Amino acid sequence: MASRDPDRPNIVFFLSDDQGPWAVGYAGNDEIITPNIDALAKSGIHFSNCFCTSPVCSPARASILTGAIPSSHGVHDWLDEGEKGITYLQGQISLTDYLSKANYICGISGKWHMGNSIIAQHGFSHWYVHQKGGGDYNRAPMIRNGKPVIESGYITDLITDDALSFIEGQLESEQPFYASIHYTAPHAPWIDQHPVEYTSLYDHCPFATCKQAPKHPWARFSTDPNSTPESVLRDPTEHLKGYYGAVTAMDANIGRIVNYLETHNLLSSTLIVFMSDNGFSCGQYGFWGKGNGTYPLNLFEYSIKVPALMSQQGRIAPNIVSDALISGYDILPTLLSYVGIEYSDPTKPGRDLSFLLENGREERANEHPIVIFSEYGGVRMIRTKAWKYVHRYDDCENNELYHLAEDPEELHNLAQDPTTKNKQRQLLAEMESWFSTYQRDDRDGKHLPVTGGGQTDLSENHTPTQSAFNPFV
């Protein structure tokens, strides 16, 4: 009946889309309604300093799956697949490849957005995914049983229905299961997309937890009525109702999954993971979006930080808050170690953080290295607990340095301060050494023309001599 072994647990992995680190109740937001996510955080460990490897969906998701950085797996922007159907991660070994080889039954329900959505791949035997990466929450284009379908109903509910069906199908199996439940929420669009039962909860909300800043000089907005218009800065209320409502609808569906696991006595033998692919700013920095919500592209805290928690009844102690700096590239080695699968790959930077999860061992958090890295094309970041340096290889005039210990809101860029030059040189040298260790030269994004407008081909198909060819649009 699925796994009943706490040391070789089933895994339920919830992954949200464009959820800011501030957009959950347990993080201190007392307006957003997320009782089920909050309960999971209370029942286990939540990470207050979890970062994505790139502040946009496809590369961040590819890093979670493969443990590689974008300049190694080659996905540098959201994938604008068109009709090509490229299998971007072909030949790369993923978390679910390891799990499948270790006799886990792997299923995915929801957003894939890592290339060639038609075919099941990387150890998944159950495959119900979005044809693209997102869009309208009703009449969503999905892949079911290997065929494109247009679904009726609200996609957040449909993803949950399918995941429950997959889990139910494992109840009589002796093998453990891995359920990827990848919601498109709370990604745009937000207006007239979500059930009134959720958006109406915010009819009288003042949204004091989402204070709007003046327009950022780099902010960019879309003329597409289904995307984020510049007028949102003047009156964000309806957009915020949609965003908060999307999160609350997702939370209710997470509750459905957790209740099902509890009903079937699986909570003690199931590891539950919840996190977002990348962060999001709903106006707090003077723009709406993530890394491509501005140009030049940004690596602000709300773009690169994500909510993250893990819970397993009886094995992970409750009410643990870890401030260790962790990244999407740490997920693969941590989960494999936690379920007892041997793993070692010196070409990937991820660290086994399972010691943070075990009962009574949270005091070891300080042993974790306190440096984290992120990238978005030619924009790269090194971050410690005290400092953050952002280097733009093709736009050095807009480099950034923040003393986060004194300026956590990133209001004072010190990059032009002559007294910080030694600090910048030190951080840049450390960052370049790290990237040179883990990048692949044919997939290095440092000088690729990544603009935030989407990737249309393999990064290795672009070389400096092919100036007429641009895999990024």
Protein backbone atom coordinates (compact mmCIF):
# COMPACT_ATOMS: atom_id res chain seq x y z
CA MET A 1 0.00 0.00 0.00
CA ALA A 2 2.49 2.58 -1.26
CA SER A 3 5.45 3.01 1.09
CA ARG A 4 4.90 2.45 4.79
CA ASP A 5 8.59 2.87 5.58
CA PRO A 6 9.42 6.28 7.09
CA ASP A 7 13.05 5.86 6.00
CA ARG A 8 12.08 5.20 2.38
CA PRO A 9 9.10 7.51 2.14
CA ASN A 10 6.80 8.44 -0.67
CA ILE A 11 7.38 12.02 -1.86
CA VAL A 12 4.73 14.59 -2.68
CA PHE A 13 6.36 17.63 -4.26
CA PHE A 14 4.18 20.74 -4.60
CA LEU A 15 5.68 23.38 -6.90
CA SER A 16 3.93 26.72 -7.36
CA ASP A 17 4.56 29.21 -10.15
CA ASP A 18 5.68 32.83 -9.55
CA GLN A 19 5.01 32.83 -5.82
CA GLY A 20 6.87 35.48 -3.87
CA PRO A 21 8.54 34.50 -0.59
CA TRP A 22 6.19 36.92 1.14
CA ALA A 23 2.99 35.37 -0.31
CA VAL A 24 2.29 32.78 2.40
CA GLY A 25 0.83 33.20 5.84
CA TYR A 26 3.64 31.45 7.70
CA ALA A 27 6.14 34.02 6.38
CA GLY A 28 4.28 36.78 8.24
CA ASN A 29 1.64 37.78 5.71
CA ASP A 30 -1.50 38.05 7.85
CA GLU A 31 -3.79 38.95 4.92
CA ILE A 32 -3.22 36.06 2.54
CA ILE A 33 -5.25 32.96 3.40
CA THR A 34 -3.05 29.85 3.30
CA PRO A 35 -4.06 27.63 6.25
CA ASN A 36 -2.94 24.36 4.66
CA ILE A 37 0.50 25.59 3.60
CA ASP A 38 0.89 27.22 7.03
CA ALA A 39 0.01 23.93 8.73
CA LEU A 40 2.66 22.12 6.68
CA ALA A 41 5.25 24.70 7.68
CA LYS A 42 4.27 24.29 11.34
CA SER A 43 4.48 20.51 11.07
CA GLY A 44 8.03 20.52 9.70
CA ILE A 45 10.84 22.80 8.62
CA HIS A 46 10.60 25.92 6.53
CA PHE A 47 13.51 27.72 4.94
CA SER A 48 13.56 31.50 5.17
CA ASN A 49 16.50 31.80 2.76
CA CYS A 50 15.72 29.53 -0.18
CA PHE A 51 16.77 30.83 -3.61
CA CYS A 52 16.14 29.84 -7.20
CA THR A 53 19.04 29.37 -9.62
CA SER A 54 17.43 31.78 -12.10
CA PRO A 55 14.48 34.14 -11.55
CA VAL A 56 12.26 32.71 -14.27
CA CYS A 57 10.36 29.43 -14.51
CA SER A 58 12.01 27.06 -17.02
CA PRO A 59 15.66 27.38 -15.93
CA ALA A 60 14.71 27.34 -12.24
CA ARG A 61 12.62 24.18 -12.72
CA ALA A 62 15.36 22.52 -14.76
CA SER A 63 17.80 23.13 -11.90
CA ILE A 64 15.45 21.60 -9.33
CA LEU A 65 15.05 18.53 -11.54
CA THR A 66 18.68 18.06 -12.60
CA GLY A 67 20.70 19.66 -9.81
CA ALA A 68 22.62 21.59 -12.48
CA ILE A 69 22.91 25.34 -12.94
CA PRO A 70 21.45 26.98 -16.07
CA SER A 71 24.93 27.37 -17.56
CA SER A 72 25.22 23.60 -17.33
CA HIS A 73 21.75 22.30 -18.27
CA GLY A 74 21.39 24.97 -20.97
CA VAL A 75 17.94 26.39 -20.21
CA HIS A 76 18.42 30.13 -19.68
CA ASP A 77 14.95 31.64 -20.11
CA TRP A 78 11.33 30.60 -20.15
CA LEU A 79 10.84 28.23 -23.06
CA ASP A 80 8.89 29.64 -25.97
CA GLU A 81 8.54 26.26 -27.63
CA GLY A 82 6.34 27.04 -30.61
CA GLU A 83 6.10 23.98 -32.84
CA LYS A 84 9.65 22.71 -32.30
CA GLY A 85 8.99 20.34 -29.42
CA ILE A 86 12.65 20.30 -28.39
CA THR A 87 13.59 17.88 -25.62
CA TYR A 88 15.82 20.37 -23.81
CA LEU A 89 17.03 18.05 -21.06
CA GLN A 90 17.66 15.01 -23.24
CA GLY A 91 20.62 12.99 -22.01
CA GLN A 92 20.70 14.68 -18.61
CA ILE A 93 20.08 12.66 -15.45
CA SER A 94 17.34 13.98 -13.21
CA LEU A 95 15.98 13.48 -9.72
CA THR A 96 13.16 11.35 -11.08
CA ASP A 97 15.57 9.25 -13.14
CA TYR A 98 17.35 8.32 -9.92
CA LEU A 99 14.07 7.70 -8.12
CA SER A 100 12.64 5.57 -10.92
CA LYS A 101 15.81 3.47 -11.03
CA ALA A 102 15.40 2.97 -7.26
CA ASN A 103 11.90 1.51 -7.82
CA TYR A 104 9.84 4.66 -7.20
CA ILE A 105 6.72 5.12 -9.33
CA CYS A 106 6.88 8.70 -10.59
CA GLY A 107 3.96 10.83 -11.74
CA ILE A 108 3.59 14.47 -12.70
CA SER A 109 0.41 16.52 -12.72
CA GLY A 110 0.53 20.13 -13.94
CA LYS A 111 3.20 22.39 -15.34
CA TRP A 112 6.26 20.90 -17.05
CA HIS A 113 7.65 23.73 -19.26
CA MET A 114 11.04 22.09 -19.79
CA GLY A 115 10.64 21.04 -23.41
CA ASN A 116 8.65 18.52 -25.47
CA SER A 117 5.56 18.28 -23.32
CA ILE A 118 4.06 15.51 -25.48
CA ILE A 119 6.30 12.68 -24.32
CA ALA A 120 6.72 11.31 -20.81
CA GLN A 121 10.38 11.54 -19.87
CA HIS A 122 12.89 11.36 -17.03
CA GLY A 123 11.39 8.38 -15.24
CA PHE A 124 7.79 9.61 -15.17
CA SER A 125 5.30 6.85 -15.92
CA HIS A 126 2.29 9.09 -15.24
CA TRP A 127 2.26 12.24 -17.37
CA TYR A 128 -0.48 14.89 -17.23
CA VAL A 129 1.08 18.22 -18.13
CA HIS A 130 0.34 21.61 -19.61
CA GLN A 131 1.06 21.80 -23.33
CA LYS A 132 3.02 25.02 -22.89
CA GLY A 133 3.83 26.73 -19.62
CA GLY A 134 0.66 28.43 -18.54
CA GLY A 135 -2.15 30.70 -19.64
CA ASP A 136 -5.84 30.94 -18.88
CA TYR A 137 -7.02 29.01 -15.84
CA ASN A 138 -10.04 27.68 -17.69
CA ARG A 139 -10.05 25.58 -20.89
CA ALA A 140 -6.38 24.82 -20.35
CA PRO A 141 -4.43 22.97 -23.06
CA MET A 142 -3.09 19.79 -21.45
CA ILE A 143 -1.47 16.48 -22.43
CA ARG A 144 -3.40 13.44 -21.26
CA ASN A 145 -2.40 9.91 -22.24
CA GLY A 146 0.07 11.32 -24.74
CA LYS A 147 -2.53 13.41 -26.59
CA PRO A 148 -3.35 17.14 -26.55
CA VAL A 149 -6.71 17.96 -24.96
CA ILE A 150 -8.56 21.12 -24.01
CA GLU A 151 -9.86 20.68 -20.48
CA SER A 152 -13.01 22.14 -19.01
CA GLY A 153 -12.84 23.33 -15.44
CA TYR A 154 -10.45 25.31 -13.27
CA ILE A 155 -6.89 24.11 -13.85
CA THR A 156 -5.84 24.20 -10.19
CA ASP A 157 -8.68 21.77 -9.39
CA LEU A 158 -7.86 19.61 -12.42
CA ILE A 159 -4.21 19.26 -11.46
CA THR A 160 -5.27 18.16 -7.98
CA ASP A 161 -7.88 15.72 -9.34
CA ASP A 162 -5.24 14.08 -11.51
CA ALA A 163 -2.69 13.91 -8.70
CA LEU A 164 -5.23 12.29 -6.39
CA SER A 165 -6.01 9.75 -9.10
CA PHE A 166 -2.31 8.96 -9.46
CA ILE A 167 -1.81 8.56 -5.70
CA GLU A 168 -4.93 6.41 -5.43
CA GLY A 169 -3.48 4.15 -8.11
CA GLN A 170 -0.43 3.52 -5.92
CA LEU A 171 -2.30 2.47 -2.78
CA GLU A 172 -2.11 -1.24 -3.55
CA SER A 173 1.48 -1.09 -4.81
CA GLU A 174 4.41 -2.13 -2.64
CA GLN A 175 6.58 0.51 -4.32
CA PRO A 176 6.98 4.07 -3.03
CA PHE A 177 5.64 6.86 -5.21
CA TYR A 178 6.85 10.32 -6.20
CA ALA A 179 4.06 12.77 -7.07
CA SER A 180 5.07 16.04 -8.74
CA ILE A 181 2.12 18.40 -8.32
CA HIS A 182 3.04 21.49 -10.30
CA TYR A 183 0.43 24.23 -10.15
CA THR A 184 0.32 27.10 -12.63
CA ALA A 185 -0.87 29.30 -9.76
CA PRO A 186 -0.37 32.08 -8.93
CA HIS A 187 1.13 33.01 -12.33
CA ALA A 188 -0.76 35.61 -14.38
CA PRO A 189 -3.45 36.12 -15.62
CA TRP A 190 -5.35 37.21 -12.54
CA ILE A 191 -8.40 39.18 -13.69
CA ASP A 192 -11.63 37.17 -14.19
CA GLN A 193 -9.72 33.89 -13.95
CA HIS A 194 -10.29 32.52 -10.46
CA PRO A 195 -13.40 31.29 -8.64
CA VAL A 196 -15.29 34.05 -6.89
CA GLU A 197 -15.34 31.97 -3.71
CA TYR A 198 -11.61 32.73 -3.41
CA THR A 199 -11.25 36.22 -4.87
CA SER A 200 -14.23 37.51 -2.85
CA LEU A 201 -12.30 36.73 0.31
CA TYR A 202 -10.21 39.78 -0.55
CA ASP A 203 -13.00 42.21 -1.44
CA HIS A 204 -12.23 44.37 1.57
CA CYS A 205 -8.55 43.58 1.94
CA PRO A 206 -6.33 46.70 2.22
CA PHE A 207 -3.29 44.69 0.98
CA ALA A 208 -1.07 46.34 3.55
CA THR A 209 1.18 43.28 3.22
CA CYS A 210 2.00 44.28 -0.36
CA LYS A 211 3.07 47.91 -0.19
CA GLN A 212 3.52 49.48 -3.60
CA ALA A 213 6.72 51.35 -4.46
CA PRO A 214 7.16 54.11 -7.05
CA LYS A 215 7.76 52.84 -10.57
CA HIS A 216 11.24 51.40 -10.92
CA PRO A 217 13.27 53.01 -13.73
CA TRP A 218 13.88 49.56 -15.25
CA ALA A 219 10.26 48.39 -15.00
CA ARG A 220 8.62 47.07 -18.12
CA PHE A 221 4.97 46.25 -18.65
CA SER A 222 2.98 44.50 -21.36
CA THR A 223 0.33 45.89 -23.67
CA ASP A 224 -1.26 42.42 -23.66
CA PRO A 225 -4.56 42.75 -21.75
CA ASN A 226 -3.96 39.26 -20.28
CA SER A 227 -0.62 40.29 -18.86
CA THR A 228 0.46 43.04 -16.48
CA PRO A 229 -0.29 46.58 -17.69
CA GLU A 230 1.46 49.66 -16.36
CA SER A 231 -1.86 50.85 -14.92
CA VAL A 232 -1.46 48.22 -12.19
CA LEU A 233 0.84 50.64 -10.37
CA ARG A 234 -1.99 53.18 -10.14
CA ASP A 235 -4.60 50.69 -8.94
CA PRO A 236 -3.35 47.19 -8.13
CA THR A 237 -6.47 46.08 -6.23
CA GLU A 238 -8.07 43.76 -8.79
CA HIS A 239 -4.74 42.23 -9.74
CA LEU A 240 -3.91 41.63 -6.08
CA LYS A 241 -7.31 40.05 -5.50
CA GLY A 242 -6.56 37.68 -8.38
CA TYR A 243 -3.03 36.93 -7.19
CA TYR A 244 -4.04 36.34 -3.57
CA GLY A 245 -7.12 34.41 -4.70
CA ALA A 246 -4.99 32.14 -6.90
CA VAL A 247 -2.75 31.36 -3.94
CA THR A 248 -5.72 30.61 -1.69
CA ALA A 249 -7.32 28.35 -4.33
CA MET A 250 -4.03 26.47 -4.60
CA ASP A 251 -3.82 26.21 -0.81
CA ALA A 252 -7.29 24.67 -0.66
CA ASN A 253 -6.22 22.07 -3.19
CA ILE A 254 -3.03 21.31 -1.28
CA GLY A 255 -5.32 20.66 1.66
CA ARG A 256 -7.22 18.11 -0.43
CA ILE A 257 -3.99 16.17 -1.06
CA VAL A 258 -2.84 16.31 2.56
CA ASN A 259 -6.26 15.21 3.81
CA TYR A 260 -6.17 12.26 1.42
CA LEU A 261 -2.75 11.21 2.69
CA GLU A 262 -3.98 11.50 6.28
CA THR A 263 -7.12 9.48 5.53
CA HIS A 264 -4.97 6.66 4.18
CA ASN A 265 -2.45 6.85 7.03
CA LEU A 266 0.39 7.93 4.76
CA LEU A 267 1.60 11.09 6.48
CA SER A 268 4.24 9.26 8.53
CA SER A 269 5.67 7.60 5.41
CA THR A 270 5.41 10.54 3.00
CA LEU A 271 7.77 13.46 2.68
CA ILE A 272 5.87 16.59 1.63
CA VAL A 273 7.80 19.36 -0.12
CA PHE A 274 6.39 22.75 -1.02
CA MET A 275 8.24 25.48 -2.85
CA SER A 276 7.94 27.90 -5.78
CA ASP A 277 10.00 27.87 -8.96
CA ASN A 278 10.96 31.54 -8.66
CA GLY A 279 9.96 34.58 -6.67
CA PHE A 280 7.72 37.46 -7.64
CA SER A 281 7.18 41.14 -6.93
CA CYS A 282 3.64 42.47 -6.90
CA GLY A 283 4.75 46.09 -6.99
CA GLN A 284 7.01 46.08 -3.94
CA TYR A 285 10.03 47.05 -6.04
CA GLY A 286 8.07 49.34 -8.33
CA PHE A 287 7.41 46.65 -10.91
CA TRP A 288 5.27 43.53 -11.26
CA GLY A 289 7.13 40.39 -12.18
CA LYS A 290 10.29 38.44 -11.54
CA GLY A 291 13.72 38.60 -13.19
CA ASN A 292 12.31 39.71 -16.52
CA GLY A 293 9.91 42.21 -14.96
CA THR A 294 12.64 44.77 -15.59
CA TYR A 295 15.24 45.49 -18.22
CA PRO A 296 18.10 45.25 -17.43
CA LEU A 297 17.10 41.89 -15.97
CA ASN A 298 17.10 41.82 -12.19
CA LEU A 299 18.12 39.53 -9.35
CA PHE A 300 16.29 41.36 -6.58
CA GLU A 301 15.45 39.40 -3.43
CA TYR A 302 11.76 39.04 -4.27
CA SER A 303 12.70 37.66 -7.71
CA ILE A 304 15.18 35.06 -6.48
CA LYS A 305 13.82 34.05 -3.04
CA VAL A 306 11.07 31.45 -2.83
CA PRO A 307 8.92 29.95 -0.09
CA ALA A 308 10.12 26.44 0.78
CA LEU A 309 9.22 23.82 3.38
CA MET A 310 9.46 20.09 4.03
CA SER A 311 7.36 17.95 6.34
CA GLN A 312 7.16 14.29 7.32
CA GLN A 313 5.15 13.36 10.36
CA GLY A 314 7.30 11.65 12.99
CA ARG A 315 10.60 12.07 11.15
CA ILE A 316 11.03 15.83 10.66
CA ALA A 317 10.60 17.75 13.90
CA PRO A 318 7.86 20.40 13.86
CA ASN A 319 8.23 24.16 14.08
CA ILE A 320 11.76 24.41 12.71
CA VAL A 321 12.77 27.61 10.92
CA SER A 322 16.11 27.45 9.15
CA ASP A 323 17.89 30.55 7.90
CA ALA A 324 20.54 28.51 6.07
CA LEU A 325 21.15 29.75 2.53
CA ILE A 326 19.92 27.03 0.19
CA SER A 327 19.26 26.86 -3.54
CA GLY A 328 17.27 24.94 -6.12
CA TYR A 329 20.43 23.01 -6.97
CA ASP A 330 20.44 21.58 -3.42
CA ILE A 331 17.07 19.85 -3.78
CA LEU A 332 18.20 16.80 -5.77
CA PRO A 333 21.06 15.68 -3.47
CA THR A 334 19.00 16.43 -0.37
CA LEU A 335 15.98 14.37 -1.42
CA LEU A 336 18.06 11.46 -2.68
CA SER A 337 20.03 11.29 0.56
CA TYR A 338 16.86 11.61 2.62
CA VAL A 339 15.28 8.55 0.98
CA GLY A 340 18.51 6.55 1.10
CA ILE A 341 19.70 6.71 -2.52
CA GLU A 342 23.43 7.06 -3.05
CA TYR A 343 24.43 10.06 -5.15
CA SER A 344 27.64 11.83 -6.05
CA ASP A 345 28.31 14.19 -8.95
CA PRO A 346 31.21 16.64 -8.63
CA THR A 347 30.08 18.46 -11.78
CA LYS A 348 27.05 19.80 -9.89
CA PRO A 349 27.15 22.21 -6.96
CA GLY A 350 24.27 20.94 -4.85
CA ARG A 351 24.81 19.99 -1.22
CA ASP A 352 23.05 17.34 0.83
CA LEU A 353 20.96 19.24 3.38
CA SER A 354 19.20 16.22 4.80
CA PHE A 355 20.92 16.83 8.15
CA LEU A 356 18.70 19.92 8.42
CA LEU A 357 15.59 17.77 8.16
CA GLU A 358 16.29 15.07 10.72
CA ASN A 359 14.79 15.25 14.20
CA GLY A 360 16.85 17.20 16.71
CA ARG A 361 19.59 18.15 14.29
CA GLU A 362 18.49 21.59 13.24
CA GLU A 363 21.33 23.16 15.27
CA ARG A 364 23.70 22.01 12.51
CA ALA A 365 22.25 24.62 10.15
CA ASN A 366 25.20 26.91 10.77
CA GLU A 367 27.53 24.32 9.26
CA HIS A 368 26.04 24.96 5.82
CA PRO A 369 28.19 27.24 3.62
CA ILE A 370 26.82 30.75 3.60
CA VAL A 371 27.25 31.66 -0.08
CA ILE A 372 24.61 31.32 -2.79
CA PHE A 373 24.67 32.00 -6.54
CA SER A 374 22.10 32.80 -9.21
CA GLU A 375 22.14 33.76 -12.90
CA TYR A 376 19.96 35.05 -15.72
CA GLY A 377 21.91 35.14 -18.97
CA GLY A 378 24.68 37.69 -18.61
CA VAL A 379 23.53 38.73 -15.13
CA ARG A 380 25.12 36.80 -12.26
CA MET A 381 24.92 37.07 -8.51
CA ILE A 382 26.87 36.04 -5.46
CA ARG A 383 25.13 36.44 -2.10
CA THR A 384 26.26 35.90 1.45
CA LYS A 385 24.20 36.62 4.52
CA ALA A 386 25.72 40.09 4.70
CA TRP A 387 26.47 41.06 1.09
CA LYS A 388 25.02 40.72 -2.39
CA TYR A 389 26.87 41.52 -5.60
CA VAL A 390 25.21 41.47 -9.05
CA HIS A 391 27.52 41.60 -12.07
CA ARG A 392 26.29 42.39 -15.59
CA TYR A 393 28.85 41.20 -18.11
CA ASP A 394 27.49 43.31 -20.97
CA ASP A 395 26.26 46.23 -18.86
CA CYS A 396 28.78 46.83 -16.06
CA GLU A 397 27.50 50.37 -15.47
CA ASN A 398 24.45 48.76 -13.88
CA ASN A 399 26.27 46.40 -11.52
CA GLU A 400 24.86 46.30 -8.00
CA LEU A 401 26.25 45.87 -4.51
CA TYR A 402 24.06 45.77 -1.42
CA HIS A 403 25.04 45.47 2.21
CA LEU A 404 22.05 43.32 3.11
CA ALA A 405 22.88 43.29 6.79
CA GLU A 406 22.17 47.03 6.85
CA ASP A 407 19.97 47.37 3.76
CA PRO A 408 17.75 44.28 3.44
CA GLU A 409 15.32 46.08 1.09
CA GLU A 410 18.11 46.79 -1.45
CA LEU A 411 17.50 50.52 -1.48
CA HIS A 412 21.15 51.65 -1.62
CA ASN A 413 23.31 50.37 -4.46
CA LEU A 414 26.94 50.73 -3.36
CA ALA A 415 28.52 49.61 -6.63
CA GLN A 416 29.67 53.14 -7.51
CA ASP A 417 31.08 53.79 -4.05
CA PRO A 418 34.89 53.79 -4.43
CA THR A 419 35.30 52.42 -0.90
CA THR A 420 33.60 49.17 -1.94
CA LYS A 421 35.83 48.32 -4.92
CA ASN A 422 37.90 45.78 -3.00
CA LYS A 423 34.74 44.07 -1.78
CA GLN A 424 33.40 43.93 -5.34
CA ARG A 425 36.66 42.49 -6.71
CA GLN A 426 36.68 39.86 -3.98
CA LEU A 427 33.07 38.81 -4.61
CA LEU A 428 33.51 38.83 -8.40
CA ALA A 429 36.59 36.60 -8.19
CA GLU A 430 34.78 34.13 -5.94
CA MET A 431 31.75 34.13 -8.22
CA GLU A 432 33.75 33.57 -11.41
CA SER A 433 35.70 30.73 -9.82
CA TRP A 434 32.45 29.03 -8.79
CA PHE A 435 30.80 29.37 -12.20
CA SER A 436 33.90 28.14 -14.03
CA THR A 437 33.74 25.01 -11.89
CA TYR A 438 30.13 24.11 -12.67
CA GLN A 439 29.28 25.59 -16.09
CA ARG A 440 29.62 23.87 -19.46
CA ASP A 441 31.34 26.06 -22.00
CA ASP A 442 28.85 25.23 -24.78
CA ARG A 443 25.92 26.14 -22.49
CA ASP A 444 27.44 29.09 -20.66
CA GLY A 445 24.85 31.88 -20.56
CA LYS A 446 27.26 34.68 -19.74
CA HIS A 447 27.29 36.19 -23.23
CA LEU A 448 24.07 34.78 -24.67
CA PRO A 449 21.49 37.38 -25.75
CA VAL A 450 19.05 36.58 -22.95
CA THR A 451 16.51 39.39 -22.70
CA GLY A 452 13.67 37.77 -20.73
CA GLY A 453 11.55 37.34 -23.85
CA GLY A 454 11.87 33.56 -24.08
CA GLN A 455 14.18 30.85 -25.41
CA THR A 456 13.39 29.12 -28.70
CA ASP A 457 16.29 26.70 -29.24
CA LEU A 458 19.11 24.85 -27.53
CA SER A 459 21.66 27.22 -26.07
CA GLU A 460 24.53 25.18 -27.58
CA ASN A 461 23.21 26.06 -31.06
CA HIS A 462 24.27 29.66 -30.51
CA THR A 463 27.92 30.59 -31.05
CA PRO A 464 29.55 34.01 -31.40
CA THR A 465 30.14 33.34 -35.11
CA GLN A 466 26.43 32.77 -35.74
CA SER A 467 25.39 36.37 -35.22
CA ALA A 468 22.32 35.93 -37.43
CA PHE A 469 21.02 33.11 -35.23
CA ASN A 470 19.41 34.01 -31.97
CA PRO A 471 17.84 31.24 -29.83
CA PHE A 472 16.40 33.89 -27.55
CA VAL A 473 13.64 36.30 -28.50
